[in-house]
């Protein structure tokens, strides 16, 4: 990475605007957004489908699947399963794709930081 100091940086400081505009940081943000936004949209669609079905299709949600287990109950429990699956998937992705790059950027910044 090129030197992050520029004319806008405080004397002896780091130009964080230049760091934010650096290709590696831009790529890190792109990777993060490219993963998080589609999952967030998918989850919100799934969540609002559940809420809307609960409100406007009570007969469908009340259909029994087995004994006292209904479609609505399965969809509700599915919300919890989906939340945990998304969380585990994000942690896996962040550990492999985001954290290594962010740790490199942080290490470079800490090396350039003036000692206090």
Protein backbone atom coordinates (compact mmCIF):
# COMPACT_ATOMS: atom_id res chain seq x y z
CA UNK A 1 0.00 0.00 0.00
CA UNK A 2 1.27 3.45 -0.79
CA UNK A 3 2.02 5.97 1.90
CA UNK A 4 -1.28 7.13 3.39
CA UNK A 5 0.01 10.57 4.36
CA UNK A 6 -0.95 13.47 2.18
CA UNK A 7 -1.31 17.21 2.32
CA UNK A 8 -4.65 16.82 4.16
CA UNK A 9 -3.22 14.64 6.93
CA UNK A 10 -2.38 16.28 10.22
CA UNK A 11 1.35 16.74 10.74
CA UNK A 12 2.81 13.37 11.65
CA UNK A 13 -0.65 11.80 11.32
CA UNK A 14 -2.43 9.44 8.98
CA UNK A 15 -4.72 10.60 6.20
CA UNK A 16 -7.70 8.36 6.90
CA UNK A 17 -9.62 9.74 3.92
CA UNK A 18 -6.83 8.49 1.64
CA UNK A 19 -6.92 5.11 3.40
CA UNK A 20 -10.68 4.91 2.88
CA UNK A 21 -10.21 5.66 -0.82
CA UNK A 22 -7.39 3.14 -1.26
CA UNK A 23 -8.06 0.20 -3.59
CA UNK A 24 -7.76 -2.41 -0.82
CA UNK A 25 -10.20 -0.60 1.47
CA UNK A 26 -12.63 -0.04 -1.40
CA UNK A 27 -12.42 -3.76 -2.23
CA UNK A 28 -13.01 -4.64 1.43
CA UNK A 29 -16.16 -2.51 1.49
CA UNK A 30 -17.31 -4.01 -1.82
CA UNK A 31 -16.89 -7.55 -0.48
CA UNK A 32 -18.73 -6.70 2.72
CA UNK A 33 -21.64 -5.00 0.97
CA UNK A 34 -21.80 -7.68 -1.72
CA UNK A 35 -22.34 -10.29 0.97
CA UNK A 36 -24.44 -8.43 3.54
CA UNK A 37 -26.95 -6.60 1.35
CA UNK A 38 -28.27 -9.62 -0.58
CA UNK A 39 -28.62 -11.65 2.63
CA UNK A 40 -30.36 -8.77 4.40
CA UNK A 41 -32.80 -8.32 1.52
CA UNK A 42 -33.51 -12.07 1.36
CA UNK A 43 -34.11 -12.23 5.10
CA UNK A 44 -36.38 -9.18 5.09
CA UNK A 45 -38.44 -10.62 2.24
CA UNK A 46 -38.75 -13.91 4.18
CA UNK A 47 -39.64 -12.05 7.40
CA UNK A 48 -42.27 -9.81 5.80
CA UNK A 49 -43.74 -12.79 3.95
CA UNK A 50 -44.18 -14.46 7.34
CA UNK A 51 -45.77 -11.34 8.86
CA UNK A 52 -48.05 -10.76 5.88
CA UNK A 53 -49.12 -14.39 5.73
CA UNK A 54 -49.85 -14.29 9.45
CA UNK A 55 -52.01 -11.19 8.96
CA UNK A 56 -53.72 -11.88 5.66
CA UNK A 57 -53.70 -15.67 5.28
CA UNK A 58 -54.62 -16.97 8.74
CA UNK A 59 -56.31 -20.04 7.32
CA UNK A 60 -53.15 -21.04 5.48
CA UNK A 61 -50.98 -20.42 8.54
CA UNK A 62 -53.42 -22.42 10.72
CA UNK A 63 -53.21 -25.54 8.52
CA UNK A 64 -52.06 -28.47 10.58
CA UNK A 65 -48.97 -30.27 9.40
CA UNK A 66 -48.84 -32.90 12.12
CA UNK A 67 -50.79 -32.94 15.38
CA UNK A 68 -50.72 -29.42 16.83
CA UNK A 69 -47.89 -28.32 14.51
CA UNK A 70 -49.14 -25.70 12.04
CA UNK A 71 -47.63 -24.03 8.99
CA UNK A 72 -47.44 -20.77 10.98
CA UNK A 73 -45.50 -22.44 13.78
CA UNK A 74 -43.03 -23.93 11.30
CA UNK A 75 -42.60 -20.57 9.57
CA UNK A 76 -42.06 -18.87 12.94
CA UNK A 77 -39.45 -21.40 14.01
CA UNK A 78 -37.92 -21.05 10.56
CA UNK A 79 -37.25 -17.38 11.37
CA UNK A 80 -34.97 -18.45 14.21
CA UNK A 81 -33.24 -21.08 12.11
CA UNK A 82 -32.69 -18.57 9.31
CA UNK A 83 -31.26 -16.00 11.72
CA UNK A 84 -28.74 -18.47 13.13
CA UNK A 85 -27.83 -19.73 9.65
CA UNK A 86 -27.22 -16.19 8.38
CA UNK A 87 -25.12 -15.38 11.45
CA UNK A 88 -22.99 -18.50 11.10
CA UNK A 89 -22.56 -17.90 7.36
CA UNK A 90 -21.52 -14.30 7.93
CA UNK A 91 -18.98 -15.29 10.60
CA UNK A 92 -17.53 -17.92 8.25
CA UNK A 93 -17.35 -15.41 5.38
CA UNK A 94 -15.87 -12.62 7.51
CA UNK A 95 -13.21 -14.89 8.98
CA UNK A 96 -12.05 -15.99 5.53
CA UNK A 97 -12.64 -13.01 3.24
CA UNK A 98 -12.89 -9.81 5.30
CA UNK A 99 -10.77 -10.18 8.42
CA UNK A 100 -7.45 -10.98 6.69
CA UNK A 101 -7.66 -7.82 4.55
CA UNK A 102 -8.84 -5.62 7.41
CA UNK A 103 -6.04 -6.94 9.65
CA UNK A 104 -3.46 -6.07 6.97
CA UNK A 105 -4.85 -2.55 6.62
CA UNK A 106 -4.91 -2.09 10.40
CA UNK A 107 -1.34 -3.39 10.79
CA UNK A 108 -0.11 -0.93 8.16
CA UNK A 109 -1.89 1.94 9.87
CA UNK A 110 -0.55 0.99 13.28
CA UNK A 111 2.98 0.84 11.86
CA UNK A 112 2.61 4.37 10.49
CA UNK A 113 0.94 5.78 13.58
CA UNK A 114 3.17 8.18 15.47
CA UNK A 115 4.05 6.96 18.95
CA UNK A 116 2.18 8.74 21.70
